[in-house]
Amino acid sequence: MRLIWLIVLALSWHVPAFGYIGPGLGAGAIGVMLGLIASLFLALFALVWYPVKRLIKKRKGKSRQDDNDGSSDPEKEQEGQERP
């Protein structure tokens, strides 16, 4: 228990640091934060967009197949078949 109190005391002890953060470092830090936020947003967007895109393609493919089922053109019917 005494060790825990010593660790807490050591971690809570602070001495003021007289450091200067210039405009270049501030702009770089802002750029890094914006880059991280943008990359997280794009990753989430990709996780949502690609399954939706696949679903849209699948629905378009079904509607095109439904349109082609009633066709009487023999050339269009043979396009989907393999040739020997």
C-alpha atoms as a PDB file:
ATOM      1  CA  MET A   1       0.000   0.000   0.000  1.00  0.00           C
ATOM      2  CA  ARG A   2       2.882   2.291   0.803  1.00  0.00           C
ATOM      3  CA  LEU A   3       4.355   1.626  -2.643  1.00  0.00           C
ATOM      4  CA  ILE A   4       1.121   2.689  -4.345  1.00  0.00           C
ATOM      5  CA  TRP A   5       1.109   5.983  -2.435  1.00  0.00           C
ATOM      6  CA  LEU A   6       4.720   6.610  -3.408  1.00  0.00           C
ATOM      7  CA  ILE A   7       3.909   5.993  -7.062  1.00  0.00           C
ATOM      8  CA  VAL A   8       0.875   8.303  -6.909  1.00  0.00           C
ATOM      9  CA  LEU A   9       2.942  10.995  -5.184  1.00  0.00           C
ATOM     10  CA  ALA A  10       5.760  10.663  -7.720  1.00  0.00           C
ATOM     11  CA  LEU A  11       3.362  10.884 -10.672  1.00  0.00           C
ATOM     12  CA  SER A  12       1.495  13.859  -9.241  1.00  0.00           C
ATOM     13  CA  TRP A  13       4.643  15.843  -8.502  1.00  0.00           C
ATOM     14  CA  HIS A  14       5.135  18.378 -11.219  1.00  0.00           C
ATOM     15  CA  VAL A  15       7.633  21.032 -11.996  1.00  0.00           C
ATOM     16  CA  PRO A  16       6.819  23.789 -14.454  1.00  0.00           C
ATOM     17  CA  ALA A  17       8.557  23.341 -17.784  1.00  0.00           C
ATOM     18  CA  PHE A  18       9.451  26.536 -19.548  1.00  0.00           C
ATOM     19  CA  GLY A  19       9.130  25.406 -23.113  1.00  0.00           C
ATOM     20  CA  TYR A  20       8.184  27.279 -26.226  1.00  0.00           C
ATOM     21  CA  ILE A  21       5.883  25.775 -28.783  1.00  0.00           C
ATOM     22  CA  GLY A  22       6.308  27.807 -31.930  1.00  0.00           C
ATOM     23  CA  PRO A  23       3.839  28.311 -34.738  1.00  0.00           C
ATOM     24  CA  GLY A  24       5.503  25.627 -36.863  1.00  0.00           C
ATOM     25  CA  LEU A  25       5.013  22.936 -34.246  1.00  0.00           C
ATOM     26  CA  GLY A  26       1.448  24.091 -33.599  1.00  0.00           C
ATOM     27  CA  ALA A  27       0.582  23.971 -37.302  1.00  0.00           C
ATOM     28  CA  GLY A  28       2.171  20.520 -37.572  1.00  0.00           C
ATOM     29  CA  ALA A  29       0.191  19.241 -34.587  1.00  0.00           C
ATOM     30  CA  ILE A  30      -3.041  20.591 -36.076  1.00  0.00           C
ATOM     31  CA  GLY A  31      -2.166  18.956 -39.400  1.00  0.00           C
ATOM     32  CA  VAL A  32      -1.548  15.612 -37.731  1.00  0.00           C
ATOM     33  CA  MET A  33      -4.867  15.784 -35.858  1.00  0.00           C
ATOM     34  CA  LEU A  34      -6.764  16.708 -39.032  1.00  0.00           C
ATOM     35  CA  GLY A  35      -5.029  13.887 -40.907  1.00  0.00           C
ATOM     36  CA  LEU A  36      -5.995  11.349 -38.250  1.00  0.00           C
ATOM     37  CA  ILE A  37      -9.598  12.532 -38.220  1.00  0.00           C
ATOM     38  CA  ALA A  38      -9.758  12.439 -42.030  1.00  0.00           C
ATOM     39  CA  SER A  39      -8.259   8.940 -42.198  1.00  0.00           C
ATOM     40  CA  LEU A  40     -10.742   7.636 -39.622  1.00  0.00           C
ATOM     41  CA  PHE A  41     -13.631   9.230 -41.548  1.00  0.00           C
ATOM     42  CA  LEU A  42     -12.451   7.733 -44.837  1.00  0.00           C
ATOM     43  CA  ALA A  43     -12.017   4.295 -43.264  1.00  0.00           C
ATOM     44  CA  LEU A  44     -15.561   4.377 -41.900  1.00  0.00           C
ATOM     45  CA  PHE A  45     -16.863   5.644 -45.243  1.00  0.00           C
ATOM     46  CA  ALA A  46     -15.113   2.787 -47.065  1.00  0.00           C
ATOM     47  CA  LEU A  47     -16.557   0.220 -44.678  1.00  0.00           C
ATOM     48  CA  VAL A  48     -20.044   1.531 -45.393  1.00  0.00           C
ATOM     49  CA  TRP A  49     -19.741   2.428 -49.088  1.00  0.00           C
ATOM     50  CA  TYR A  50     -18.363  -0.773 -50.622  1.00  0.00           C
ATOM     51  CA  PRO A  51     -21.112  -3.096 -49.345  1.00  0.00           C
ATOM     52  CA  VAL A  52     -23.710  -0.544 -50.450  1.00  0.00           C
ATOM     53  CA  LYS A  53     -22.024  -0.300 -53.849  1.00  0.00           C
ATOM     54  CA  ARG A  54     -22.075  -4.092 -54.205  1.00  0.00           C
ATOM     55  CA  LEU A  55     -25.773  -4.156 -53.258  1.00  0.00           C
ATOM     56  CA  ILE A  56     -26.555  -1.492 -55.874  1.00  0.00           C
ATOM     57  CA  LYS A  57     -24.678  -3.446 -58.567  1.00  0.00           C
ATOM     58  CA  LYS A  58     -26.490  -6.620 -57.598  1.00  0.00           C
ATOM     59  CA  ARG A  59     -29.879  -4.885 -57.849  1.00  0.00           C
ATOM     60  CA  LYS A  60     -28.993  -3.358 -61.214  1.00  0.00           C
ATOM     61  CA  GLY A  61     -27.878  -6.760 -62.482  1.00  0.00           C
ATOM     62  CA  LYS A  62     -31.177  -8.342 -61.439  1.00  0.00           C
ATOM     63  CA  SER A  63     -33.226  -5.625 -63.116  1.00  0.00           C
ATOM     64  CA  ARG A  64     -31.221  -6.020 -66.331  1.00  0.00           C
ATOM     65  CA  GLN A  65     -31.709  -9.776 -66.261  1.00  0.00           C
ATOM     66  CA  ASP A  66     -35.449  -9.272 -65.777  1.00  0.00           C
ATOM     67  CA  ASP A  67     -35.493  -6.957 -68.800  1.00  0.00           C
ATOM     68  CA  ASN A  68     -33.572  -9.464 -70.942  1.00  0.00           C
ATOM     69  CA  ASP A  69     -35.708 -12.479 -69.991  1.00  0.00           C
ATOM     70  CA  GLY A  70     -38.568 -11.377 -72.233  1.00  0.00           C
ATOM     71  CA  SER A  71     -36.414 -10.720 -75.299  1.00  0.00           C
ATOM     72  CA  SER A  72     -37.015 -12.755 -78.458  1.00  0.00           C
ATOM     73  CA  ASP A  73     -33.674 -11.912 -80.074  1.00  0.00           C
ATOM     74  CA  PRO A  74     -31.727 -15.216 -80.409  1.00  0.00           C
ATOM     75  CA  GLU A  75     -28.333 -13.447 -80.614  1.00  0.00           C
ATOM     76  CA  LYS A  76     -28.850 -11.840 -77.200  1.00  0.00           C
ATOM     77  CA  GLU A  77     -29.903 -15.157 -75.737  1.00  0.00           C
ATOM     78  CA  GLN A  78     -26.743 -16.855 -77.019  1.00  0.00           C
ATOM     79  CA  GLU A  79     -24.388 -14.169 -75.701  1.00  0.00           C
ATOM     80  CA  GLY A  80     -24.568 -15.534 -72.162  1.00  0.00           C
ATOM     81  CA  GLN A  81     -23.926 -19.129 -73.229  1.00  0.00           C
ATOM     82  CA  GLU A  82     -20.477 -20.656 -73.570  1.00  0.00           C
ATOM     83  CA  ARG A  83     -19.347 -21.744 -77.017  1.00  0.00           C
ATOM     84  CA  PRO A  84     -17.866 -25.224 -77.543  1.00  0.00           C
END
